Amino acid sequence: MRTYSVGSNTVGASGIRPASKLADEVRAEMAIKYLRETDLSLDEVAAALGFNEVANFRHAFSRWTKATPGKFMNMHGPHTTAEDS
């Protein structure tokens, strides 16, 4: 089974992650949750996470997980079985 890492432990000089990095990490975690556990379309997931364009969501998701949303859903979506993974 492939694992997907989200974010890094990078912190600023103050020892605190920038708010934009935290927001990006939360979006990544929510995207993974939505794609694994719901039947939402990519358009619906993108909108729920605040993306104006699904293409921007696809790009961000690929950056976060090193997989396209479609490939991720095929491997880990709500309708996959243990044999599919």
Protein backbone atom coordinates (compact mmCIF):
# COMPACT_ATOMS: atom_id res chain seq x y z
CA MET A 1 0.00 0.00 0.00
CA ARG A 2 1.37 3.40 -0.93
CA THR A 3 1.45 6.10 1.71
CA TYR A 4 1.00 9.79 1.05
CA SER A 5 2.75 12.41 3.07
CA VAL A 6 1.28 15.83 3.51
CA GLY A 7 3.38 18.84 4.35
CA SER A 8 6.69 18.93 6.08
CA ASN A 9 8.10 19.92 9.42
CA THR A 10 9.48 23.18 8.05
CA VAL A 11 9.08 26.07 10.46
CA GLY A 12 10.00 29.71 10.25
CA ALA A 13 12.75 31.44 12.21
CA SER A 14 10.27 31.95 15.05
CA GLY A 15 9.72 28.19 15.32
CA ILE A 16 6.15 28.55 14.03
CA ARG A 17 4.86 27.40 10.66
CA PRO A 18 3.53 30.18 8.48
CA ALA A 19 -0.28 30.36 8.46
CA SER A 20 -0.39 29.78 4.71
CA LYS A 21 1.56 26.53 5.13
CA LEU A 22 -0.79 25.35 7.86
CA ALA A 23 -3.80 26.21 5.71
CA ASP A 24 -2.27 24.27 2.80
CA GLU A 25 -1.70 21.24 5.05
CA VAL A 26 -5.30 21.34 6.28
CA ARG A 27 -6.57 21.57 2.70
CA ALA A 28 -4.45 18.56 1.74
CA GLU A 29 -5.74 16.49 4.65
CA MET A 30 -9.34 17.45 3.89
CA ALA A 31 -8.90 16.66 0.18
CA ILE A 32 -7.59 13.19 1.02
CA LYS A 33 -10.48 12.63 3.44
CA TYR A 34 -13.10 13.78 0.91
CA LEU A 35 -11.68 11.61 -1.88
CA ARG A 36 -11.35 8.55 0.35
CA GLU A 37 -14.67 8.78 2.20
CA THR A 38 -17.21 10.54 -0.02
CA ASP A 39 -18.74 10.36 -3.47
CA LEU A 40 -18.13 14.06 -4.11
CA SER A 41 -16.97 14.97 -7.62
CA LEU A 42 -13.62 16.70 -8.13
CA ASP A 43 -15.52 19.93 -8.82
CA GLU A 44 -17.34 19.61 -5.49
CA VAL A 45 -14.17 18.80 -3.56
CA ALA A 46 -12.32 21.70 -5.18
CA ALA A 47 -15.15 24.11 -4.33
CA ALA A 48 -15.42 22.80 -0.75
CA LEU A 49 -11.71 23.50 -0.27
CA GLY A 50 -11.95 27.01 -1.70
CA PHE A 51 -10.46 26.45 -5.15
CA ASN A 52 -12.01 28.57 -7.92
CA GLU A 53 -10.87 26.18 -10.64
CA VAL A 54 -10.69 22.39 -10.54
CA ALA A 55 -7.40 22.59 -12.48
CA ASN A 56 -5.85 24.48 -9.57
CA PHE A 57 -7.09 21.79 -7.18
CA ARG A 58 -5.64 19.03 -9.38
CA HIS A 59 -2.27 20.78 -9.44
CA ALA A 60 -2.23 21.31 -5.66
CA PHE A 61 -3.36 17.72 -4.97
CA SER A 62 -0.61 16.34 -7.21
CA ARG A 63 1.93 18.51 -5.36
CA TRP A 64 0.66 17.29 -1.98
CA THR A 65 0.45 13.57 -2.73
CA LYS A 66 2.54 12.96 -5.87
CA ALA A 67 -0.60 11.44 -7.47
CA THR A 68 -3.43 12.91 -9.49
CA PRO A 69 -6.83 13.08 -7.78
CA GLY A 70 -8.23 10.58 -10.29
CA LYS A 71 -5.49 8.05 -9.66
CA PHE A 72 -5.85 8.55 -5.92
CA MET A 73 -9.63 7.97 -6.09
CA ASN A 74 -9.14 4.82 -8.17
CA MET A 75 -6.73 3.46 -5.57
CA HIS A 76 -8.30 4.75 -2.34
CA GLY A 77 -11.82 5.99 -3.07
CA PRO A 78 -14.95 4.91 -1.18
CA HIS A 79 -15.74 2.16 -3.71
CA THR A 80 -12.36 0.40 -3.70
CA THR A 81 -11.79 -2.87 -1.89
CA ALA A 82 -8.72 -4.21 -0.13
CA GLU A 83 -7.93 -6.15 -3.32
CA ASP A 84 -7.84 -2.88 -5.32
CA SER A 85 -5.12 -1.28 -3.17
